Amino acid sequence: MKKLTSLALIITVLSIAAYAGGLLLEQAQGTSGQDVFHLYNWGDYIDSDLIDQFEEETGYRVVYETFDSNEAMYTKIQQGGTGYDLAIPSEYMIERMIEENLVVELDHTQIHGLENIDPAFLDLNFDPGNRYSIPYFWGTLGIAYNEELLSDFEFSSWQDLYQLELENSILMIDGARELIGIGLQTLGYSLNSRDEAELAAAADVLSDLAPNIKALVADEIKMYMIQEEASIAVTFSGEAADMMWENESIVYVLPEEGSNLWFDNMVIPHTVQNEEAAYAFINFMLDPNIAAQNADYVGYSTPNEAAMAFLPDETVEDKQFYPSPEMMENLEVYQDLGLEFTGLYNDLFLEFKMFR
């Protein structure tokens, strides 16, 4: 019995030593500890030089992880396996995360620079009073096309994508809300429709578009368009800006029927381990010079009104990326659809992918 007790004691001591050693190793490798900041963001959605600058100015070591969809981000934060300190989801997902207590209510006394944000991007329906989120970027979904390769075509409408001559020409963003939304708006319906008959009609009209779709893709859409492996893309405004920078033949338009207006905001998830670092990062990104540098690199529209003075005139005067108030009225923000209709949109999207 004594030997068994001694053996158990030795095993316990070794286990504790191994656990402590693992923690020390993690800290040495920069994955835990009070000097570490875990940032969870979309891919290629921040100037890496700014991460270096943030580390230098604050002393925090940034562990940067990326996601490719709001749904993937939501699942990982919901599961809680990783101690993310700050994440950057979109508006409809922020609404859902607030309802499910997956984000921390912000202490506005620790936030400096909120006055730099254009009031038009504050106090929005998905987060009244910005109790849980701070604006990061905003943008639109539209049509990017190569006017040299398509000299006989003009695009001003979703309907223009349905032309028979465009068979196997379009790269479509790989997303259920985006694809089903195009079908809905083609028919004059809301992007947030919860009417099953309208959704069925949208699926039907999309079947007419299917022959024109070359592929449904994500981040690769930018490279394919730049290299002229495709002539048209349905994509987000920032991706279009990058395409246009690399290939001057590409232009970006917002369809006249309307399109998606989206917002990506910074939130502190319930998984937070280093709240102090999270607030430091929020304040860093609210600085006008920092926000301008980030917008210039990423290509999306900044909500930081004070940063506009540091951006090129041709950028802030481009109505496709900073639409006029009249154009903004024709844009629609995604809402959280709830589990039932989120499932229906996903089912229609999967059916389209399987049978197109």
Protein backbone atom coordinates (compact mmCIF):
# COMPACT_ATOMS: atom_id res chain seq x y z
CA MET A 1 0.00 0.00 0.00
CA LYS A 2 2.88 2.30 0.89
CA LYS A 3 4.53 1.59 -2.46
CA LEU A 4 1.28 2.32 -4.27
CA THR A 5 0.89 5.56 -2.32
CA SER A 6 4.45 6.58 -3.13
CA LEU A 7 3.94 5.69 -6.79
CA ALA A 8 0.75 7.75 -6.91
CA LEU A 9 2.59 10.67 -5.29
CA ILE A 10 5.40 10.46 -7.84
CA ILE A 11 2.92 10.37 -10.74
CA THR A 12 1.09 13.39 -9.31
CA VAL A 13 4.32 15.37 -8.88
CA LEU A 14 5.43 14.50 -12.42
CA SER A 15 2.03 15.48 -13.83
CA ILE A 16 2.16 18.87 -12.06
CA ALA A 17 5.72 19.41 -13.26
CA ALA A 18 4.74 18.53 -16.84
CA TYR A 19 1.76 20.88 -16.73
CA ALA A 20 3.87 23.72 -15.32
CA GLY A 21 6.54 23.04 -17.90
CA GLY A 22 3.93 23.14 -20.65
CA LEU A 23 2.70 26.53 -19.46
CA LEU A 24 6.24 27.88 -19.37
CA LEU A 25 6.85 26.54 -22.86
CA GLU A 26 3.63 28.14 -24.13
CA GLN A 27 4.67 31.46 -22.60
CA ALA A 28 8.13 31.18 -24.13
CA GLN A 29 6.54 30.50 -27.50
CA GLY A 30 4.19 33.46 -27.13
CA THR A 31 0.85 31.67 -26.89
CA SER A 32 -0.13 32.53 -23.32
CA GLY A 33 0.67 34.94 -20.51
CA GLN A 34 -0.27 38.50 -19.63
CA ASP A 35 1.99 39.95 -22.33
CA VAL A 36 0.19 38.04 -25.10
CA PHE A 37 -2.75 39.29 -27.14
CA HIS A 38 -4.85 36.82 -29.16
CA LEU A 39 -6.42 38.47 -32.21
CA TYR A 40 -8.99 36.57 -34.31
CA ASN A 41 -9.61 38.22 -37.67
CA TRP A 42 -10.38 37.67 -41.33
CA GLY A 43 -7.42 36.77 -43.54
CA ASP A 44 -5.32 39.65 -44.93
CA TYR A 45 -7.48 42.13 -43.02
CA ILE A 46 -4.81 44.23 -41.32
CA ASP A 47 -1.51 45.75 -42.37
CA SER A 48 1.12 43.47 -40.80
CA ASP A 49 3.31 46.53 -40.19
CA LEU A 50 0.64 47.75 -37.79
CA ILE A 51 0.86 44.53 -35.80
CA ASP A 52 4.60 45.11 -35.47
CA GLN A 53 3.98 48.70 -34.42
CA PHE A 54 1.35 47.66 -31.86
CA GLU A 55 3.76 45.14 -30.36
CA GLU A 56 6.55 47.72 -30.20
CA GLU A 57 4.37 50.43 -28.64
CA THR A 58 2.58 48.26 -26.09
CA GLY A 59 4.94 45.38 -25.34
CA TYR A 60 2.22 42.84 -26.10
CA ARG A 61 3.04 39.87 -28.30
CA VAL A 62 0.29 39.34 -30.89
CA VAL A 63 -0.89 35.83 -31.72
CA TYR A 64 -2.83 36.29 -34.94
CA GLU A 65 -5.34 33.70 -36.17
CA THR A 66 -7.73 33.99 -39.11
CA PHE A 67 -11.17 32.74 -40.12
CA ASP A 68 -12.86 32.64 -43.53
CA SER A 69 -16.50 33.05 -42.51
CA ASN A 70 -18.56 34.51 -39.70
CA GLU A 71 -20.00 31.08 -39.07
CA ALA A 72 -16.56 29.48 -38.59
CA MET A 73 -15.58 32.28 -36.21
CA TYR A 74 -18.83 31.92 -34.27
CA THR A 75 -18.44 28.17 -33.84
CA LYS A 76 -14.90 28.44 -32.50
CA ILE A 77 -15.72 31.21 -30.04
CA GLN A 78 -18.89 29.43 -28.94
CA GLN A 79 -16.87 26.30 -28.18
CA GLY A 80 -14.46 28.40 -26.13
CA GLY A 81 -11.37 26.25 -26.68
CA THR A 82 -9.08 29.17 -27.51
CA GLY A 83 -8.70 32.31 -25.41
CA TYR A 84 -9.28 34.94 -28.07
CA ASP A 85 -9.03 38.47 -26.69
CA LEU A 86 -10.53 40.30 -29.65
CA ALA A 87 -12.43 39.26 -32.78
CA ILE A 88 -13.81 41.14 -35.80
CA PRO A 89 -17.19 39.69 -36.89
CA SER A 90 -19.86 41.22 -39.13
CA GLU A 91 -23.02 42.95 -38.00
CA TYR A 92 -25.54 40.08 -38.18
CA MET A 93 -23.18 37.79 -36.32
CA ILE A 94 -22.50 40.42 -33.67
CA GLU A 95 -26.26 40.61 -33.14
CA ARG A 96 -26.37 36.85 -32.63
CA MET A 97 -23.33 36.79 -30.33
CA ILE A 98 -24.86 39.51 -28.15
CA GLU A 99 -28.06 37.48 -27.79
CA GLU A 100 -26.07 34.39 -26.80
CA ASN A 101 -23.75 36.21 -24.35
CA LEU A 102 -20.66 35.39 -26.39
CA VAL A 103 -19.27 38.93 -26.23
CA VAL A 104 -18.32 41.15 -23.29
CA GLU A 105 -20.08 44.47 -22.70
CA LEU A 106 -17.54 47.24 -23.28
CA ASP A 107 -16.33 49.69 -20.65
CA HIS A 108 -16.40 52.93 -22.65
CA THR A 109 -14.26 54.70 -20.04
CA GLN A 110 -11.35 52.59 -21.32
CA ILE A 111 -11.94 53.49 -24.98
CA HIS A 112 -10.24 56.55 -26.44
CA GLY A 113 -10.84 57.86 -29.95
CA LEU A 114 -14.46 56.88 -30.48
CA GLU A 115 -15.12 60.51 -31.38
CA ASN A 116 -13.09 59.89 -34.57
CA ILE A 117 -15.79 57.55 -35.90
CA ASP A 118 -18.38 59.00 -38.28
CA PRO A 119 -21.69 59.09 -36.31
CA ALA A 120 -23.37 57.34 -39.27
CA PHE A 121 -21.54 54.16 -38.24
CA LEU A 122 -22.42 54.33 -34.54
CA ASP A 123 -25.54 53.26 -32.67
CA LEU A 124 -26.72 50.92 -35.42
CA ASN A 125 -29.54 48.42 -35.03
CA PHE A 126 -27.33 45.39 -34.45
CA ASP A 127 -25.62 47.07 -31.44
CA PRO A 128 -27.48 50.12 -30.07
CA GLY A 129 -25.14 52.44 -28.23
CA ASN A 130 -22.14 50.35 -29.32
CA ARG A 131 -22.31 48.56 -26.01
CA TYR A 132 -20.49 45.55 -27.42
CA SER A 133 -18.65 46.57 -30.59
CA ILE A 134 -16.48 49.28 -32.15
CA PRO A 135 -16.42 49.94 -35.94
CA TYR A 136 -13.43 48.56 -37.88
CA PHE A 137 -14.31 48.54 -41.62
CA TRP A 138 -17.38 48.70 -43.81
CA GLY A 139 -18.07 47.96 -47.44
CA THR A 140 -20.39 46.61 -50.10
CA LEU A 141 -20.94 43.63 -52.36
CA GLY A 142 -20.84 44.39 -56.07
CA ILE A 143 -19.67 43.45 -59.54
CA ALA A 144 -16.02 43.68 -60.58
CA TYR A 145 -15.36 43.19 -64.28
CA ASN A 146 -12.54 43.57 -66.79
CA GLU A 147 -13.65 46.23 -69.26
CA GLU A 148 -10.91 45.28 -71.73
CA LEU A 149 -12.01 41.65 -71.89
CA LEU A 150 -15.68 42.67 -71.96
CA SER A 151 -15.55 45.76 -74.16
CA ASP A 152 -19.04 45.07 -75.56
CA PHE A 153 -20.67 44.85 -72.15
CA GLU A 154 -21.64 47.27 -69.41
CA PHE A 155 -22.74 46.29 -65.92
CA SER A 156 -25.06 48.32 -63.75
CA SER A 157 -27.50 45.67 -62.55
CA TRP A 158 -27.63 42.13 -61.16
CA GLN A 159 -29.75 41.38 -64.24
CA ASP A 160 -26.71 42.05 -66.44
CA LEU A 161 -25.06 38.90 -65.09
CA TYR A 162 -27.76 36.70 -66.65
CA GLN A 163 -26.82 37.41 -70.28
CA LEU A 164 -26.39 34.19 -72.29
CA GLU A 165 -23.10 35.43 -73.76
CA LEU A 166 -21.52 35.33 -70.29
CA GLU A 167 -21.60 31.54 -69.97
CA ASN A 168 -18.81 30.26 -67.70
CA SER A 169 -17.50 33.78 -67.10
CA ILE A 170 -18.40 34.72 -63.51
CA LEU A 171 -16.52 34.05 -60.29
CA MET A 172 -19.05 34.08 -57.46
CA ILE A 173 -18.21 34.69 -53.81
CA ASP A 174 -18.72 31.43 -51.92
CA GLY A 175 -21.36 32.47 -49.40
CA ALA A 176 -25.00 31.55 -48.78
CA ARG A 177 -26.21 35.03 -47.82
CA GLU A 178 -24.43 36.60 -50.80
CA LEU A 179 -25.67 34.16 -53.45
CA ILE A 180 -29.26 33.87 -52.22
CA GLY A 181 -29.25 37.65 -51.73
CA ILE A 182 -28.49 38.19 -55.42
CA GLY A 183 -31.49 36.05 -56.34
CA LEU A 184 -33.70 37.95 -53.91
CA GLN A 185 -32.59 41.39 -55.07
CA THR A 186 -32.88 40.41 -58.74
CA LEU A 187 -36.58 39.94 -58.01
CA GLY A 188 -36.88 43.08 -55.90
CA TYR A 189 -37.04 41.26 -52.54
CA SER A 190 -35.23 42.00 -49.29
CA LEU A 191 -31.83 40.46 -48.53
CA ASN A 192 -33.34 39.42 -45.19
CA SER A 193 -36.48 37.77 -46.56
CA ARG A 194 -38.17 35.25 -44.29
CA ASP A 195 -40.82 34.44 -46.88
CA GLU A 196 -40.46 30.86 -48.15
CA ALA A 197 -42.18 31.65 -51.44
CA GLU A 198 -39.74 34.51 -52.09
CA LEU A 199 -36.80 32.28 -51.24
CA ALA A 200 -38.05 29.56 -53.58
CA ALA A 201 -38.42 32.15 -56.36
CA ALA A 202 -34.89 33.39 -55.69
CA ALA A 203 -33.56 29.83 -55.98
CA ASP A 204 -35.41 29.43 -59.29
CA VAL A 205 -34.00 32.61 -60.80
CA LEU A 206 -30.51 31.64 -59.67
CA SER A 207 -30.83 28.44 -61.69
CA ASP A 208 -30.89 30.72 -64.77
CA LEU A 209 -27.64 32.30 -63.60
CA ALA A 210 -25.90 28.97 -62.90
CA PRO A 211 -24.51 28.38 -66.46
CA ASN A 212 -22.70 31.71 -66.29
CA ILE A 213 -20.87 30.87 -63.06
CA LYS A 214 -17.35 29.63 -63.63
CA ALA A 215 -16.68 28.83 -59.95
CA LEU A 216 -17.66 29.69 -56.40
CA VAL A 217 -14.49 30.81 -54.65
CA ALA A 218 -13.23 32.74 -51.65
CA ASP A 219 -9.88 34.52 -51.31
CA GLU A 220 -8.61 33.17 -54.67
CA ILE A 221 -11.13 35.35 -56.49
CA LYS A 222 -8.72 38.27 -56.33
CA MET A 223 -5.80 36.41 -57.90
CA TYR A 224 -7.92 34.94 -60.69
CA MET A 225 -9.26 38.34 -61.68
CA ILE A 226 -5.87 40.04 -61.56
CA GLN A 227 -4.37 37.32 -63.75
CA GLU A 228 -7.37 37.55 -66.12
CA GLU A 229 -8.38 33.92 -65.65
CA ALA A 230 -11.93 35.25 -65.37
CA SER A 231 -13.58 38.44 -66.61
CA ILE A 232 -16.29 39.03 -63.95
CA ALA A 233 -16.47 38.58 -60.19
CA VAL A 234 -19.17 39.13 -57.61
CA THR A 235 -17.04 40.24 -54.71
CA PHE A 236 -16.61 42.63 -51.81
CA SER A 237 -15.48 46.20 -52.32
CA GLY A 238 -12.09 45.82 -50.67
CA GLU A 239 -11.23 42.77 -52.75
CA ALA A 240 -12.25 44.75 -55.82
CA ALA A 241 -9.98 47.62 -54.75
CA ASP A 242 -7.02 45.23 -54.61
CA MET A 243 -7.89 43.86 -58.05
CA MET A 244 -8.07 47.37 -59.49
CA TRP A 245 -4.71 48.27 -57.96
CA GLU A 246 -3.05 45.32 -59.69
CA ASN A 247 -5.00 45.42 -62.96
CA GLU A 248 -6.15 48.78 -64.30
CA SER A 249 -8.67 47.15 -66.65
CA ILE A 250 -10.88 46.12 -63.73
CA VAL A 251 -13.74 48.33 -62.54
CA TYR A 252 -16.23 47.91 -59.69
CA VAL A 253 -19.93 48.82 -59.75
CA LEU A 254 -22.83 48.69 -57.31
CA PRO A 255 -25.97 47.18 -58.89
CA GLU A 256 -28.86 49.57 -59.27
CA GLU A 257 -31.31 47.14 -57.60
CA GLY A 258 -29.28 47.52 -54.43
CA SER A 259 -26.78 45.37 -52.64
CA ASN A 260 -25.39 44.42 -49.27
CA LEU A 261 -23.97 47.08 -46.98
CA TRP A 262 -21.90 45.38 -44.30
CA PHE A 263 -20.04 46.39 -41.16
CA ASP A 264 -17.20 44.59 -39.42
CA ASN A 265 -16.70 45.64 -35.81
CA MET A 266 -14.23 44.83 -33.04
CA VAL A 267 -15.63 42.81 -30.12
CA ILE A 268 -14.19 41.29 -26.97
CA PRO A 269 -15.37 37.65 -26.90
CA HIS A 270 -16.32 35.75 -23.77
CA THR A 271 -13.08 33.80 -24.25
CA VAL A 272 -10.98 36.87 -23.37
CA GLN A 273 -7.85 36.27 -21.31
CA ASN A 274 -6.21 39.69 -21.64
CA GLU A 275 -8.84 42.41 -21.52
CA GLU A 276 -6.25 45.14 -21.01
CA ALA A 277 -4.58 44.23 -24.32
CA ALA A 278 -7.96 44.14 -26.08
CA TYR A 279 -8.70 47.73 -25.06
CA ALA A 280 -5.18 48.77 -26.03
CA PHE A 281 -5.75 47.34 -29.52
CA ILE A 282 -9.14 49.04 -29.90
CA ASN A 283 -7.61 52.39 -28.97
CA PHE A 284 -4.67 51.79 -31.30
CA MET A 285 -6.99 51.14 -34.25
CA LEU A 286 -9.10 54.24 -33.45
CA ASP A 287 -6.10 56.50 -34.05
CA PRO A 288 -6.74 58.36 -37.36
CA ASN A 289 -3.23 57.78 -38.75
CA ILE A 290 -3.38 54.08 -37.91
CA ALA A 291 -6.89 53.72 -39.36
CA ALA A 292 -5.82 55.48 -42.58
CA GLN A 293 -2.76 53.28 -43.02
CA ASN A 294 -4.88 50.18 -42.45
CA ALA A 295 -7.56 51.32 -44.93
CA ASP A 296 -4.94 52.12 -47.55
CA TYR A 297 -3.46 48.63 -47.16
CA VAL A 298 -6.67 46.59 -46.89
CA GLY A 299 -8.73 48.51 -49.46
CA TYR A 300 -12.00 48.59 -47.53
CA SER A 301 -13.81 51.75 -46.44
CA THR A 302 -12.93 53.18 -43.06
CA PRO A 303 -15.64 54.40 -40.65
CA ASN A 304 -12.98 56.63 -39.05
CA GLU A 305 -14.00 60.10 -40.23
CA ALA A 306 -10.81 61.70 -38.92
CA ALA A 307 -8.73 59.21 -40.94
CA MET A 308 -10.19 60.46 -44.22
CA ALA A 309 -7.83 63.46 -44.16
CA PHE A 310 -4.88 61.07 -44.43
CA LEU A 311 -6.21 59.10 -47.42
CA PRO A 312 -5.69 60.02 -51.10
CA ASP A 313 -8.41 62.23 -52.60
CA GLU A 314 -9.07 59.71 -55.38
CA THR A 315 -9.90 57.12 -52.71
CA VAL A 316 -12.39 59.10 -50.65
CA GLU A 317 -13.99 60.65 -53.75
CA ASP A 318 -14.65 57.28 -55.41
CA LYS A 319 -18.42 56.79 -55.12
CA GLN A 320 -18.17 53.02 -55.58
CA PHE A 321 -16.20 52.76 -52.31
CA TYR A 322 -17.60 55.76 -50.45
CA PRO A 323 -21.16 55.91 -51.89
CA SER A 324 -23.27 59.04 -51.80
CA PRO A 325 -26.17 59.23 -49.30
CA GLU A 326 -28.56 58.51 -52.18
CA MET A 327 -26.66 55.36 -53.11
CA MET A 328 -26.47 54.28 -49.46
CA GLU A 329 -30.27 54.35 -49.23
CA ASN A 330 -30.38 51.56 -51.81
CA LEU A 331 -28.12 49.27 -49.76
CA GLU A 332 -29.31 46.77 -47.16
CA VAL A 333 -27.63 45.37 -44.04
CA TYR A 334 -27.81 41.66 -43.24
CA GLN A 335 -29.84 40.77 -40.17
CA ASP A 336 -29.56 37.66 -38.04
CA LEU A 337 -32.21 35.36 -39.57
CA GLY A 338 -32.51 32.96 -36.66
CA LEU A 339 -31.75 29.25 -36.81
CA GLU A 340 -34.70 28.21 -38.98
CA PHE A 341 -34.12 30.63 -41.84
CA THR A 342 -30.33 30.50 -41.59
CA GLY A 343 -30.73 26.77 -42.18
CA LEU A 344 -33.06 27.37 -45.13
CA TYR A 345 -30.64 29.80 -46.80
CA ASN A 346 -27.82 27.30 -46.30
CA ASP A 347 -29.92 24.46 -47.72
CA LEU A 348 -30.79 26.45 -50.83
CA PHE A 349 -27.14 27.41 -51.24
CA LEU A 350 -25.98 23.78 -50.97
CA GLU A 351 -28.62 22.67 -53.48
CA PHE A 352 -27.38 25.32 -55.88
CA LYS A 353 -23.77 24.16 -55.49
CA MET A 354 -24.74 20.51 -56.01
CA PHE A 355 -26.92 20.90 -59.06
CA ARG A 356 -25.58 23.93 -60.94
